[in-house]
Amino acid sequence: MIQSRMPVPDAPLTALEIALLELTAENADLHLQLAEAQEQCIEMAVDAGELQADIEALRNELTAARTERDAARAQLSSRISGR
């Protein structure tokens, strides 16, 4: 059974206690870094969704422009050949 020693004012910390404090501090720092990374991932996912919607809109515009161009070419071609 592990027994914890009672804190004694101004008593020096053991090597194990120091290591535990260092690990606790490092763990807290890593948790902060993870939270920041998760937040960035969420922001990137939102941005990616918006970009995907923009790309889809541009593809639709391009398709419409090509259809309009092809219709204009066909009309011009029939006018030219009908002379």
PDB file of N, CA and C in Angstrom:
ATOM      1  N   MET A   1       0.840  -1.170   0.000  1.00  0.00           N
ATOM      2  CA  MET A   1       0.000   0.000   0.000  1.00  0.00           C
ATOM      3  C   MET A   1       0.890   1.239   0.000  1.00  0.00           C
ATOM      4  N   ILE A   2       0.514   2.215  -0.850  1.00  0.00           N
ATOM      5  CA  ILE A   2       1.291   3.453  -0.933  1.00  0.00           C
ATOM      6  C   ILE A   2       0.764   4.415   0.120  1.00  0.00           C
ATOM      7  N   GLN A   3       1.667   4.910   0.925  1.00  0.00           N
ATOM      8  CA  GLN A   3       1.274   5.888   1.931  1.00  0.00           C
ATOM      9  C   GLN A   3       1.838   7.237   1.523  1.00  0.00           C
ATOM     10  N   SER A   4       1.002   8.255   1.623  1.00  0.00           N
ATOM     11  CA  SER A   4       1.516   9.587   1.329  1.00  0.00           C
ATOM     12  C   SER A   4       1.974  10.206   2.641  1.00  0.00           C
ATOM     13  N   ARG A   5       3.045  10.909   2.537  1.00  0.00           N
ATOM     14  CA  ARG A   5       3.532  11.526   3.771  1.00  0.00           C
ATOM     15  C   ARG A   5       2.797  12.835   3.996  1.00  0.00           C
ATOM     16  N   MET A   6       2.635  13.172   5.200  1.00  0.00           N
ATOM     17  CA  MET A   6       1.967  14.418   5.551  1.00  0.00           C
ATOM     18  C   MET A   6       2.905  15.580   5.238  1.00  0.00           C
ATOM     19  N   PRO A   7       2.372  16.646   4.624  1.00  0.00           N
ATOM     20  CA  PRO A   7       3.251  17.772   4.320  1.00  0.00           C
ATOM     21  C   PRO A   7       3.788  18.411   5.595  1.00  0.00           C
ATOM     22  N   VAL A   8       5.048  18.648   5.558  1.00  0.00           N
ATOM     23  CA  VAL A   8       5.707  19.309   6.678  1.00  0.00           C
ATOM     24  C   VAL A   8       6.181  20.659   6.152  1.00  0.00           C
ATOM     25  N   PRO A   9       5.811  21.743   6.836  1.00  0.00           N
ATOM     26  CA  PRO A   9       6.239  23.067   6.354  1.00  0.00           C
ATOM     27  C   PRO A   9       7.752  23.132   6.171  1.00  0.00           C
ATOM     28  N   ASP A  10       8.145  23.653   5.035  1.00  0.00           N
ATOM     29  CA  ASP A  10       9.560  23.859   4.694  1.00  0.00           C
ATOM     30  C   ASP A  10      10.353  22.562   4.576  1.00  0.00           C
ATOM     31  N   ALA A  11       9.663  21.429   4.477  1.00  0.00           N
ATOM     32  CA  ALA A  11      10.382  20.169   4.298  1.00  0.00           C
ATOM     33  C   ALA A  11      10.745  20.043   2.829  1.00  0.00           C
ATOM     34  N   PRO A  12      11.949  19.587   2.521  1.00  0.00           N
ATOM     35  CA  PRO A  12      12.340  19.443   1.116  1.00  0.00           C
ATOM     36  C   PRO A  12      11.523  18.331   0.441  1.00  0.00           C
ATOM     37  N   LEU A  13      11.269  18.525  -0.826  1.00  0.00           N
ATOM     38  CA  LEU A  13      10.528  17.530  -1.593  1.00  0.00           C
ATOM     39  C   LEU A  13      11.437  16.374  -1.964  1.00  0.00           C
ATOM     40  N   THR A  14      10.855  15.217  -2.033  1.00  0.00           N
ATOM     41  CA  THR A  14      11.625  14.060  -2.473  1.00  0.00           C
ATOM     42  C   THR A  14      11.745  14.105  -3.998  1.00  0.00           C
ATOM     43  N   ALA A  15      12.647  13.318  -4.507  1.00  0.00           N
ATOM     44  CA  ALA A  15      12.844  13.249  -5.959  1.00  0.00           C
ATOM     45  C   ALA A  15      11.570  12.769  -6.644  1.00  0.00           C
ATOM     46  N   LEU A  16      10.871  11.853  -6.011  1.00  0.00           N
ATOM     47  CA  LEU A  16       9.617  11.347  -6.575  1.00  0.00           C
ATOM     48  C   LEU A  16       8.559  12.439  -6.613  1.00  0.00           C
ATOM     49  N   GLU A  17       8.479  13.226  -5.577  1.00  0.00           N
ATOM     50  CA  GLU A  17       7.502  14.321  -5.538  1.00  0.00           C
ATOM     51  C   GLU A  17       7.830  15.382  -6.590  1.00  0.00           C
ATOM     52  N   ILE A  18       9.089  15.658  -6.753  1.00  0.00           N
ATOM     53  CA  ILE A  18       9.514  16.627  -7.772  1.00  0.00           C
ATOM     54  C   ILE A  18       9.162  16.105  -9.163  1.00  0.00           C
ATOM     55  N   ALA A  19       9.452  14.831  -9.394  1.00  0.00           N
ATOM     56  CA  ALA A  19       9.132  14.234 -10.696  1.00  0.00           C
ATOM     57  C   ALA A  19       7.630  14.258 -10.933  1.00  0.00           C
ATOM     58  N   LEU A  20       6.847  13.982  -9.895  1.00  0.00           N
ATOM     59  CA  LEU A  20       5.393  14.003 -10.028  1.00  0.00           C
ATOM     60  C   LEU A  20       4.891  15.410 -10.340  1.00  0.00           C
ATOM     61  N   LEU A  21       5.447  16.407  -9.688  1.00  0.00           N
ATOM     62  CA  LEU A  21       5.062  17.796  -9.977  1.00  0.00           C
ATOM     63  C   LEU A  21       5.433  18.184 -11.407  1.00  0.00           C
ATOM     64  N   GLU A  22       6.614  17.757 -11.857  1.00  0.00           N
ATOM     65  CA  GLU A  22       7.032  18.057 -13.229  1.00  0.00           C
ATOM     66  C   GLU A  22       6.102  17.394 -14.231  1.00  0.00           C
ATOM     67  N   LEU A  23       5.741  16.144 -13.970  1.00  0.00           N
ATOM     68  CA  LEU A  23       4.823  15.435 -14.871  1.00  0.00           C
ATOM     69  C   LEU A  23       3.437  16.069 -14.864  1.00  0.00           C
ATOM     70  N   THR A  24       2.995  16.505 -13.709  1.00  0.00           N
ATOM     71  CA  THR A  24       1.690  17.166 -13.616  1.00  0.00           C
ATOM     72  C   THR A  24       1.692  18.464 -14.424  1.00  0.00           C
ATOM     73  N   ALA A  25       2.752  19.230 -14.299  1.00  0.00           N
ATOM     74  CA  ALA A  25       2.859  20.487 -15.054  1.00  0.00           C
ATOM     75  C   ALA A  25       2.925  20.209 -16.555  1.00  0.00           C
ATOM     76  N   GLU A  26       3.712  19.198 -16.935  1.00  0.00           N
ATOM     77  CA  GLU A  26       3.810  18.852 -18.356  1.00  0.00           C
ATOM     78  C   GLU A  26       2.474  18.359 -18.894  1.00  0.00           C
ATOM     79  N   ASN A  27       1.772  17.572 -18.108  1.00  0.00           N
ATOM     80  CA  ASN A  27       0.458  17.066 -18.508  1.00  0.00           C
ATOM     81  C   ASN A  27      -0.521  18.217 -18.714  1.00  0.00           C
ATOM     82  N   ALA A  28      -0.511  19.186 -17.817  1.00  0.00           N
ATOM     83  CA  ALA A  28      -1.395  20.345 -17.946  1.00  0.00           C
ATOM     84  C   ALA A  28      -1.066  21.127 -19.216  1.00  0.00           C
ATOM     85  N   ASP A  29       0.228  21.291 -19.499  1.00  0.00           N
ATOM     86  CA  ASP A  29       0.644  21.994 -20.708  1.00  0.00           C
ATOM     87  C   ASP A  29       0.189  21.238 -21.956  1.00  0.00           C
ATOM     88  N   LEU A  30       0.336  19.915 -21.932  1.00  0.00           N
ATOM     89  CA  LEU A  30      -0.085  19.115 -23.085  1.00  0.00           C
ATOM     90  C   LEU A  30      -1.597  19.173 -23.286  1.00  0.00           C
ATOM     91  N   HIS A  31      -2.334  19.224 -22.195  1.00  0.00           N
ATOM     92  CA  HIS A  31      -3.791  19.359 -22.313  1.00  0.00           C
ATOM     93  C   HIS A  31      -4.152  20.688 -22.981  1.00  0.00           C
ATOM     94  N   LEU A  32      -3.449  21.756 -22.618  1.00  0.00           N
ATOM     95  CA  LEU A  32      -3.683  23.059 -23.248  1.00  0.00           C
ATOM     96  C   LEU A  32      -3.355  23.013 -24.739  1.00  0.00           C
ATOM     97  N   GLN A  33      -2.233  22.387 -25.071  1.00  0.00           N
ATOM     98  CA  GLN A  33      -1.845  22.275 -26.480  1.00  0.00           C
ATOM     99  C   GLN A  33      -2.875  21.463 -27.262  1.00  0.00           C
ATOM    100  N   LEU A  34      -3.369  20.396 -26.654  1.00  0.00           N
ATOM    101  CA  LEU A  34      -4.384  19.571 -27.306  1.00  0.00           C
ATOM    102  C   LEU A  34      -5.661  20.365 -27.536  1.00  0.00           C
ATOM    103  N   ALA A  35      -6.078  21.129 -26.554  1.00  0.00           N
ATOM    104  CA  ALA A  35      -7.289  21.940 -26.699  1.00  0.00           C
ATOM    105  C   ALA A  35      -7.122  22.958 -27.827  1.00  0.00           C
ATOM    106  N   GLU A  36      -5.943  23.571 -27.914  1.00  0.00           N
ATOM    107  CA  GLU A  36      -5.676  24.532 -28.989  1.00  0.00           C
ATOM    108  C   GLU A  36      -5.698  23.841 -30.350  1.00  0.00           C
ATOM    109  N   ALA A  37      -5.083  22.671 -30.427  1.00  0.00           N
ATOM    110  CA  ALA A  37      -5.052  21.929 -31.693  1.00  0.00           C
ATOM    111  C   ALA A  37      -6.460  21.513 -32.107  1.00  0.00           C
ATOM    112  N   GLN A  38      -7.275  21.097 -31.143  1.00  0.00           N
ATOM    113  CA  GLN A  38      -8.652  20.716 -31.454  1.00  0.00           C
ATOM    114  C   GLN A  38      -9.443  21.919 -31.959  1.00  0.00           C
ATOM    115  N   GLU A  39      -9.231  23.064 -31.339  1.00  0.00           N
ATOM    116  CA  GLU A  39      -9.913  24.283 -31.780  1.00  0.00           C
ATOM    117  C   GLU A  39      -9.505  24.647 -33.211  1.00  0.00           C
ATOM    118  N   GLN A  40      -8.213  24.519 -33.501  1.00  0.00           N
ATOM    119  CA  GLN A  40      -7.736  24.806 -34.852  1.00  0.00           C
ATOM    120  C   GLN A  40      -8.327  23.828 -35.861  1.00  0.00           C
ATOM    121  N   CYS A  41      -8.452  22.570 -35.469  1.00  0.00           N
ATOM    122  CA  CYS A  41      -9.048  21.568 -36.366  1.00  0.00           C
ATOM    123  C   CYS A  41     -10.510  21.911 -36.670  1.00  0.00           C
ATOM    124  N   ILE A  42     -11.229  22.349 -35.666  1.00  0.00           N
ATOM    125  CA  ILE A  42     -12.625  22.732 -35.877  1.00  0.00           C
ATOM    126  C   ILE A  42     -12.705  23.925 -36.826  1.00  0.00           C
ATOM    127  N   GLU A  43     -11.844  24.914 -36.604  1.00  0.00           N
ATOM    128  CA  GLU A  43     -11.827  26.091 -37.481  1.00  0.00           C
ATOM    129  C   GLU A  43     -11.478  25.696 -38.909  1.00  0.00           C
ATOM    130  N   MET A  44     -10.507  24.787 -39.073  1.00  0.00           N
ATOM    131  CA  MET A  44     -10.133  24.350 -40.417  1.00  0.00           C
ATOM    132  C   MET A  44     -11.270  23.572 -41.074  1.00  0.00           C
ATOM    133  N   ALA A  45     -12.000  22.785 -40.296  1.00  0.00           N
ATOM    134  CA  ALA A  45     -13.122  22.031 -40.854  1.00  0.00           C
ATOM    135  C   ALA A  45     -14.225  22.983 -41.326  1.00  0.00           C
ATOM    136  N   VAL A  46     -14.475  24.022 -40.555  1.00  0.00           N
ATOM    137  CA  VAL A  46     -15.469  25.015 -40.962  1.00  0.00           C
ATOM    138  C   VAL A  46     -15.012  25.714 -42.238  1.00  0.00           C
ATOM    139  N   ASP A  47     -13.746  26.123 -42.267  1.00  0.00           N
ATOM    140  CA  ASP A  47     -13.198  26.775 -43.467  1.00  0.00           C
ATOM    141  C   ASP A  47     -13.271  25.847 -44.677  1.00  0.00           C
ATOM    142  N   ALA A  48     -12.951  24.576 -44.469  1.00  0.00           N
ATOM    143  CA  ALA A  48     -13.000  23.609 -45.570  1.00  0.00           C
ATOM    144  C   ALA A  48     -14.420  23.454 -46.093  1.00  0.00           C
ATOM    145  N   GLY A  49     -15.391  23.448 -45.200  1.00  0.00           N
ATOM    146  CA  GLY A  49     -16.781  23.359 -45.628  1.00  0.00           C
ATOM    147  C   GLY A  49     -17.195  24.564 -46.455  1.00  0.00           C
ATOM    148  N   GLU A  50     -16.764  25.740 -46.015  1.00  0.00           N
ATOM    149  CA  GLU A  50     -17.075  26.958 -46.771  1.00  0.00           C
ATOM    150  C   GLU A  50     -16.387  26.937 -48.138  1.00  0.00           C
ATOM    151  N   LEU A  51     -15.148  26.501 -48.166  1.00  0.00           N
ATOM    152  CA  LEU A  51     -14.429  26.415 -49.444  1.00  0.00           C
ATOM    153  C   LEU A  51     -15.093  25.409 -50.376  1.00  0.00           C
ATOM    154  N   GLN A  52     -15.552  24.294 -49.825  1.00  0.00           N
ATOM    155  CA  GLN A  52     -16.232  23.296 -50.645  1.00  0.00           C
ATOM    156  C   GLN A  52     -17.505  23.877 -51.251  1.00  0.00           C
ATOM    157  N   ALA A  53     -18.243  24.651 -50.469  1.00  0.00           N
ATOM    158  CA  ALA A  53     -19.450  25.290 -50.986  1.00  0.00           C
ATOM    159  C   ALA A  53     -19.094  26.298 -52.082  1.00  0.00           C
ATOM    160  N   ASP A  54     -18.017  27.057 -51.875  1.00  0.00           N
ATOM    161  CA  ASP A  54     -17.564  28.006 -52.894  1.00  0.00           C
ATOM    162  C   ASP A  54     -17.170  27.286 -54.177  1.00  0.00           C
ATOM    163  N   ILE A  55     -16.448  26.181 -54.039  1.00  0.00           N
ATOM    164  CA  ILE A  55     -16.027  25.410 -55.214  1.00  0.00           C
ATOM    165  C   ILE A  55     -17.242  24.892 -55.969  1.00  0.00           C
ATOM    166  N   GLU A  56     -18.218  24.391 -55.246  1.00  0.00           N
ATOM    167  CA  GLU A  56     -19.431  23.873 -55.894  1.00  0.00           C
ATOM    168  C   GLU A  56     -20.163  24.990 -56.637  1.00  0.00           C
ATOM    169  N   ALA A  57     -20.252  26.163 -56.028  1.00  0.00           N
ATOM    170  CA  ALA A  57     -20.898  27.306 -56.688  1.00  0.00           C
ATOM    171  C   ALA A  57     -20.129  27.706 -57.946  1.00  0.00           C
ATOM    172  N   LEU A  58     -18.807  27.729 -57.860  1.00  0.00           N
ATOM    173  CA  LEU A  58     -17.995  28.077 -59.028  1.00  0.00           C
ATOM    174  C   LEU A  58     -18.128  27.040 -60.139  1.00  0.00           C
ATOM    175  N   ARG A  59     -18.212  25.776 -59.766  1.00  0.00           N
ATOM    176  CA  ARG A  59     -18.417  24.735 -60.781  1.00  0.00           C
ATOM    177  C   ARG A  59     -19.756  24.920 -61.483  1.00  0.00           C
ATOM    178  N   ASN A  60     -20.776  25.251 -60.710  1.00  0.00           N
ATOM    179  CA  ASN A  60     -22.091  25.495 -61.313  1.00  0.00           C
ATOM    180  C   ASN A  60     -22.061  26.700 -62.248  1.00  0.00           C
ATOM    181  N   GLU A  61     -21.375  27.764 -61.819  1.00  0.00           N
ATOM    182  CA  GLU A  61     -21.241  28.943 -62.672  1.00  0.00           C
ATOM    183  C   GLU A  61     -20.479  28.598 -63.946  1.00  0.00           C
ATOM    184  N   LEU A  62     -19.420  27.813 -63.820  1.00  0.00           N
ATOM    185  CA  LEU A  62     -18.629  27.423 -64.984  1.00  0.00           C
ATOM    186  C   LEU A  62     -19.464  26.587 -65.947  1.00  0.00           C
ATOM    187  N   THR A  63     -20.231  25.663 -65.419  1.00  0.00           N
ATOM    188  CA  THR A  63     -21.096  24.843 -66.266  1.00  0.00           C
ATOM    189  C   THR A  63     -22.110  25.711 -67.006  1.00  0.00           C
ATOM    190  N   ALA A  64     -22.700  26.669 -66.291  1.00  0.00           N
ATOM    191  CA  ALA A  64     -23.672  27.566 -66.921  1.00  0.00           C
ATOM    192  C   ALA A  64     -22.999  28.421 -67.996  1.00  0.00           C
ATOM    193  N   ALA A  65     -21.794  28.919 -67.708  1.00  0.00           N
ATOM    194  CA  ALA A  65     -21.080  29.747 -68.678  1.00  0.00           C
ATOM    195  C   ALA A  65     -20.713  28.942 -69.918  1.00  0.00           C
ATOM    196  N   ARG A  66     -20.296  27.700 -69.716  1.00  0.00           N
ATOM    197  CA  ARG A  66     -19.956  26.852 -70.865  1.00  0.00           C
ATOM    198  C   ARG A  66     -21.192  26.543 -71.704  1.00  0.00           C
ATOM    199  N   THR A  67     -22.300  26.286 -71.038  1.00  0.00           N
ATOM    200  CA  THR A  67     -23.550  26.019 -71.766  1.00  0.00           C
ATOM    201  C   THR A  67     -23.965  27.244 -72.574  1.00  0.00           C
ATOM    202  N   GLU A  68     -23.849  28.402 -71.946  1.00  0.00           N
ATOM    203  CA  GLU A  68     -24.188  29.656 -72.639  1.00  0.00           C
ATOM    204  C   GLU A  68     -23.240  29.894 -73.810  1.00  0.00           C
ATOM    205  N   ARG A  69     -21.956  29.643 -73.609  1.00  0.00           N
ATOM    206  CA  ARG A  69     -20.970  29.801 -74.677  1.00  0.00           C
ATOM    207  C   ARG A  69     -21.271  28.864 -75.837  1.00  0.00           C
ATOM    208  N   ASP A  70     -21.557  27.603 -75.524  1.00  0.00           N
ATOM    209  CA  ASP A  70     -21.836  26.631 -76.578  1.00  0.00           C
ATOM    210  C   ASP A  70     -23.096  26.999 -77.362  1.00  0.00           C
ATOM    211  N   ALA A  71     -24.089  27.518 -76.651  1.00  0.00           N
ATOM    212  CA  ALA A  71     -25.317  27.939 -77.334  1.00  0.00           C
ATOM    213  C   ALA A  71     -25.031  29.126 -78.245  1.00  0.00           C
ATOM    214  N   ALA A  72     -24.225  30.064 -77.768  1.00  0.00           N
ATOM    215  CA  ALA A  72     -23.880  31.226 -78.588  1.00  0.00           C
ATOM    216  C   ALA A  72     -23.065  30.802 -79.811  1.00  0.00           C
ATOM    217  N   ARG A  73     -22.143  29.865 -79.625  1.00  0.00           N
ATOM    218  CA  ARG A  73     -21.361  29.366 -80.764  1.00  0.00           C
ATOM    219  C   ARG A  73     -22.259  28.680 -81.791  1.00  0.00           C
ATOM    220  N   ALA A  74     -23.188  27.873 -81.284  1.00  0.00           N
ATOM    221  CA  ALA A  74     -24.096  27.169 -82.197  1.00  0.00           C
ATOM    222  C   ALA A  74     -24.961  28.160 -82.958  1.00  0.00           C
ATOM    223  N   GLN A  75     -25.427  29.182 -82.267  1.00  0.00           N
ATOM    224  CA  GLN A  75     -26.258  30.195 -82.924  1.00  0.00           C
ATOM    225  C   GLN A  75     -25.437  30.957 -83.958  1.00  0.00           C
ATOM    226  N   LEU A  76     -24.223  31.319 -83.614  1.00  0.00           N
ATOM    227  CA  LEU A  76     -23.352  32.035 -84.543  1.00  0.00           C
ATOM    228  C   LEU A  76     -23.012  31.148 -85.737  1.00  0.00           C
ATOM    229  N   SER A  77     -22.742  29.886 -85.477  1.00  0.00           N
ATOM    230  CA  SER A  77     -22.412  28.968 -86.548  1.00  0.00           C
ATOM    231  C   SER A  77     -23.599  28.799 -87.511  1.00  0.00           C
ATOM    232  N   SER A  78     -24.805  28.710 -86.970  1.00  0.00           N
ATOM    233  CA  SER A  78     -25.970  28.554 -87.855  1.00  0.00           C
ATOM    234  C   SER A  78     -26.224  29.829 -88.649  1.00  0.00           C
ATOM    235  N   ARG A  79     -25.935  30.965 -88.074  1.00  0.00           N
ATOM    236  CA  ARG A  79     -26.084  32.228 -88.818  1.00  0.00           C
ATOM    237  C   ARG A  79     -25.073  32.297 -89.943  1.00  0.00           C
ATOM    238  N   ILE A  80     -23.846  31.896 -89.644  1.00  0.00           N
ATOM    239  CA  ILE A  80     -22.791  31.960 -90.654  1.00  0.00           C
ATOM    240  C   ILE A  80     -23.064  30.990 -91.782  1.00  0.00           C
ATOM    241  N   SER A  81     -23.461  29.764 -91.433  1.00  0.00           N
ATOM    242  CA  SER A  81     -23.706  28.754 -92.481  1.00  0.00           C
ATOM    243  C   SER A  81     -25.018  29.010 -93.210  1.00  0.00           C
ATOM    244  N   GLY A  82     -25.907  29.809 -92.656  1.00  0.00           N
ATOM    245  CA  GLY A  82     -27.193  30.083 -93.287  1.00  0.00           C
ATOM    246  C   GLY A  82     -27.120  31.206 -94.300  1.00  0.00           C
ATOM    247  N   ARG A  83     -26.047  31.867 -94.421  1.00  0.00           N
ATOM    248  CA  ARG A  83     -25.936  32.995 -95.365  1.00  0.00           C
ATOM    249  C   ARG A  83     -26.011  32.553 -96.773  1.00  0.00           C
TER     250      ARG A  83
END
